[in-house]
């Protein structure tokens, strides 16, 4: 299976397990919505790009094996934080604006 096809299949699974760090404010009467539903709603409402689109574009500039994906809320915007292992064996984290797909930061992890 090619890397892109694998990433696309993995993305479908990953979107269900995304971690949103933005807190949901609720009262005792309200049910707290699971993180994957918050992410799905944001995609359906056009607030963020689907993870499949993000991973396809990221693979063009930063190929590698994705090992972790998080959807965070930083500096007033949603950010995909994607950790991957490069073909050279480096572990890097790429932060992307979830609404535009623009790369915000790339850092090498230890």
C-alpha atoms as a PDB file:
ATOM      1  CA  UNK A   1       0.000   0.000   0.000  1.00  0.00           C
ATOM      2  CA  UNK A   2       1.494   3.341  -0.962  1.00  0.00           C
ATOM      3  CA  UNK A   3       2.319   5.819   1.771  1.00  0.00           C
ATOM      4  CA  UNK A   4      -0.338   8.302   0.626  1.00  0.00           C
ATOM      5  CA  UNK A   5      -3.083   5.663   0.564  1.00  0.00           C
ATOM      6  CA  UNK A   6      -1.989   4.472   3.989  1.00  0.00           C
ATOM      7  CA  UNK A   7      -2.044   8.051   5.301  1.00  0.00           C
ATOM      8  CA  UNK A   8      -5.539   8.583   3.889  1.00  0.00           C
ATOM      9  CA  UNK A   9      -6.831   5.402   5.538  1.00  0.00           C
ATOM     10  CA  UNK A  10      -5.091   6.296   8.773  1.00  0.00           C
ATOM     11  CA  UNK A  11      -6.598   9.794   8.620  1.00  0.00           C
ATOM     12  CA  UNK A  12     -10.125   8.380   8.637  1.00  0.00           C
ATOM     13  CA  UNK A  13      -9.271   6.587  11.857  1.00  0.00           C
ATOM     14  CA  UNK A  14      -7.332   9.504  13.314  1.00  0.00           C
ATOM     15  CA  UNK A  15     -10.121  12.034  12.817  1.00  0.00           C
ATOM     16  CA  UNK A  16     -12.196   9.935  15.191  1.00  0.00           C
ATOM     17  CA  UNK A  17      -9.488  10.090  17.834  1.00  0.00           C
ATOM     18  CA  UNK A  18      -8.337  13.683  17.522  1.00  0.00           C
ATOM     19  CA  UNK A  19      -7.597  15.437  20.738  1.00  0.00           C
ATOM     20  CA  UNK A  20      -9.016  18.902  21.113  1.00  0.00           C
ATOM     21  CA  UNK A  21      -7.376  20.929  23.806  1.00  0.00           C
ATOM     22  CA  UNK A  22      -9.959  23.675  23.649  1.00  0.00           C
ATOM     23  CA  UNK A  23     -12.211  23.348  26.642  1.00  0.00           C
ATOM     24  CA  UNK A  24     -15.921  22.889  26.244  1.00  0.00           C
ATOM     25  CA  UNK A  25     -17.935  24.951  28.662  1.00  0.00           C
ATOM     26  CA  UNK A  26     -20.917  23.053  29.908  1.00  0.00           C
ATOM     27  CA  UNK A  27     -23.360  23.045  32.740  1.00  0.00           C
ATOM     28  CA  UNK A  28     -24.486  20.016  34.686  1.00  0.00           C
ATOM     29  CA  UNK A  29     -27.546  19.770  32.430  1.00  0.00           C
ATOM     30  CA  UNK A  30     -25.576  19.724  29.143  1.00  0.00           C
ATOM     31  CA  UNK A  31     -23.899  16.643  27.737  1.00  0.00           C
ATOM     32  CA  UNK A  32     -20.229  17.167  26.909  1.00  0.00           C
ATOM     33  CA  UNK A  33     -19.592  16.488  23.221  1.00  0.00           C
ATOM     34  CA  UNK A  34     -16.750  14.016  22.524  1.00  0.00           C
ATOM     35  CA  UNK A  35     -13.621  15.473  20.898  1.00  0.00           C
ATOM     36  CA  UNK A  36     -14.095  13.642  17.603  1.00  0.00           C
ATOM     37  CA  UNK A  37     -17.610  15.110  17.277  1.00  0.00           C
ATOM     38  CA  UNK A  38     -16.261  18.624  17.884  1.00  0.00           C
ATOM     39  CA  UNK A  39     -13.639  18.045  15.171  1.00  0.00           C
ATOM     40  CA  UNK A  40     -16.204  16.585  12.763  1.00  0.00           C
ATOM     41  CA  UNK A  41     -18.574  19.513  13.347  1.00  0.00           C
ATOM     42  CA  UNK A  42     -15.744  21.996  12.709  1.00  0.00           C
ATOM     43  CA  UNK A  43     -14.944  20.289   9.386  1.00  0.00           C
ATOM     44  CA  UNK A  44     -18.615  20.136   8.372  1.00  0.00           C
ATOM     45  CA  UNK A  45     -19.082  23.812   9.279  1.00  0.00           C
ATOM     46  CA  UNK A  46     -16.074  24.754   7.145  1.00  0.00           C
ATOM     47  CA  UNK A  47     -14.127  26.061  10.144  1.00  0.00           C
ATOM     48  CA  UNK A  48     -11.187  23.699   9.583  1.00  0.00           C
ATOM     49  CA  UNK A  49      -9.866  21.611   6.704  1.00  0.00           C
ATOM     50  CA  UNK A  50     -10.324  17.840   6.740  1.00  0.00           C
ATOM     51  CA  UNK A  51      -7.315  15.967   8.043  1.00  0.00           C
ATOM     52  CA  UNK A  52      -7.056  14.081   4.719  1.00  0.00           C
ATOM     53  CA  UNK A  53      -6.437  17.372   2.901  1.00  0.00           C
ATOM     54  CA  UNK A  54      -3.902  18.490   5.500  1.00  0.00           C
ATOM     55  CA  UNK A  55      -1.975  15.206   5.320  1.00  0.00           C
ATOM     56  CA  UNK A  56      -1.952  15.140   1.509  1.00  0.00           C
ATOM     57  CA  UNK A  57      -0.465  18.648   1.338  1.00  0.00           C
ATOM     58  CA  UNK A  58       1.957  17.999   4.189  1.00  0.00           C
ATOM     59  CA  UNK A  59       3.257  14.886   2.429  1.00  0.00           C
ATOM     60  CA  UNK A  60       4.358  17.078  -0.508  1.00  0.00           C
ATOM     61  CA  UNK A  61       6.718  19.182   1.612  1.00  0.00           C
ATOM     62  CA  UNK A  62       7.398  16.935   4.610  1.00  0.00           C
ATOM     63  CA  UNK A  63       7.065  13.269   3.635  1.00  0.00           C
ATOM     64  CA  UNK A  64       7.213  10.673   6.337  1.00  0.00           C
ATOM     65  CA  UNK A  65       5.256   8.325   8.546  1.00  0.00           C
ATOM     66  CA  UNK A  66       2.654  10.086  10.681  1.00  0.00           C
ATOM     67  CA  UNK A  67       2.804   8.900  14.282  1.00  0.00           C
ATOM     68  CA  UNK A  68       0.513  11.359  16.066  1.00  0.00           C
ATOM     69  CA  UNK A  69      -2.077  13.999  15.225  1.00  0.00           C
ATOM     70  CA  UNK A  70      -3.613  16.488  17.621  1.00  0.00           C
ATOM     71  CA  UNK A  71      -6.030  19.312  17.024  1.00  0.00           C
ATOM     72  CA  UNK A  72      -5.175  22.096  19.448  1.00  0.00           C
ATOM     73  CA  UNK A  73      -6.480  25.578  20.092  1.00  0.00           C
ATOM     74  CA  UNK A  74      -3.494  27.937  20.222  1.00  0.00           C
ATOM     75  CA  UNK A  75      -3.310  31.714  19.978  1.00  0.00           C
ATOM     76  CA  UNK A  76      -6.975  32.069  19.078  1.00  0.00           C
ATOM     77  CA  UNK A  77      -6.970  29.508  16.254  1.00  0.00           C
ATOM     78  CA  UNK A  78      -7.180  25.778  15.756  1.00  0.00           C
ATOM     79  CA  UNK A  79      -3.874  24.137  14.934  1.00  0.00           C
ATOM     80  CA  UNK A  80      -3.133  20.634  13.671  1.00  0.00           C
ATOM     81  CA  UNK A  81      -0.010  19.348  15.423  1.00  0.00           C
ATOM     82  CA  UNK A  82       1.374  16.463  13.401  1.00  0.00           C
ATOM     83  CA  UNK A  83       4.337  14.370  14.496  1.00  0.00           C
ATOM     84  CA  UNK A  84       6.023  12.315  11.822  1.00  0.00           C
ATOM     85  CA  UNK A  85       9.155  10.343  11.201  1.00  0.00           C
ATOM     86  CA  UNK A  86      10.993  11.611   8.128  1.00  0.00           C
ATOM     87  CA  UNK A  87      12.586   9.272   5.576  1.00  0.00           C
ATOM     88  CA  UNK A  88      15.911  10.203   7.254  1.00  0.00           C
ATOM     89  CA  UNK A  89      14.609   8.892  10.599  1.00  0.00           C
ATOM     90  CA  UNK A  90      14.070  12.263  12.304  1.00  0.00           C
ATOM     91  CA  UNK A  91      11.032  12.844  14.503  1.00  0.00           C
ATOM     92  CA  UNK A  92       9.539  16.242  13.660  1.00  0.00           C
ATOM     93  CA  UNK A  93       6.433  18.129  14.701  1.00  0.00           C
ATOM     94  CA  UNK A  94       4.706  20.288  12.132  1.00  0.00           C
ATOM     95  CA  UNK A  95       2.107  22.808  13.299  1.00  0.00           C
ATOM     96  CA  UNK A  96      -0.423  23.884  10.674  1.00  0.00           C
ATOM     97  CA  UNK A  97      -3.275  26.369  10.757  1.00  0.00           C
ATOM     98  CA  UNK A  98      -6.308  24.053  10.680  1.00  0.00           C
ATOM     99  CA  UNK A  99      -8.406  26.555   8.723  1.00  0.00           C
ATOM    100  CA  UNK A 100      -5.903  27.295   5.954  1.00  0.00           C
ATOM    101  CA  UNK A 101      -3.362  24.465   6.033  1.00  0.00           C
ATOM    102  CA  UNK A 102      -0.512  26.980   6.273  1.00  0.00           C
ATOM    103  CA  UNK A 103       2.580  25.632   8.025  1.00  0.00           C
ATOM    104  CA  UNK A 104       3.155  27.661  11.186  1.00  0.00           C
ATOM    105  CA  UNK A 105       6.165  25.893  12.659  1.00  0.00           C
ATOM    106  CA  UNK A 106       8.387  22.877  12.107  1.00  0.00           C
ATOM    107  CA  UNK A 107      10.526  21.610  14.929  1.00  0.00           C
ATOM    108  CA  UNK A 108      12.694  18.568  15.418  1.00  0.00           C
ATOM    109  CA  UNK A 109      11.826  16.532  18.505  1.00  0.00           C
ATOM    110  CA  UNK A 110      14.357  14.687  20.620  1.00  0.00           C
END
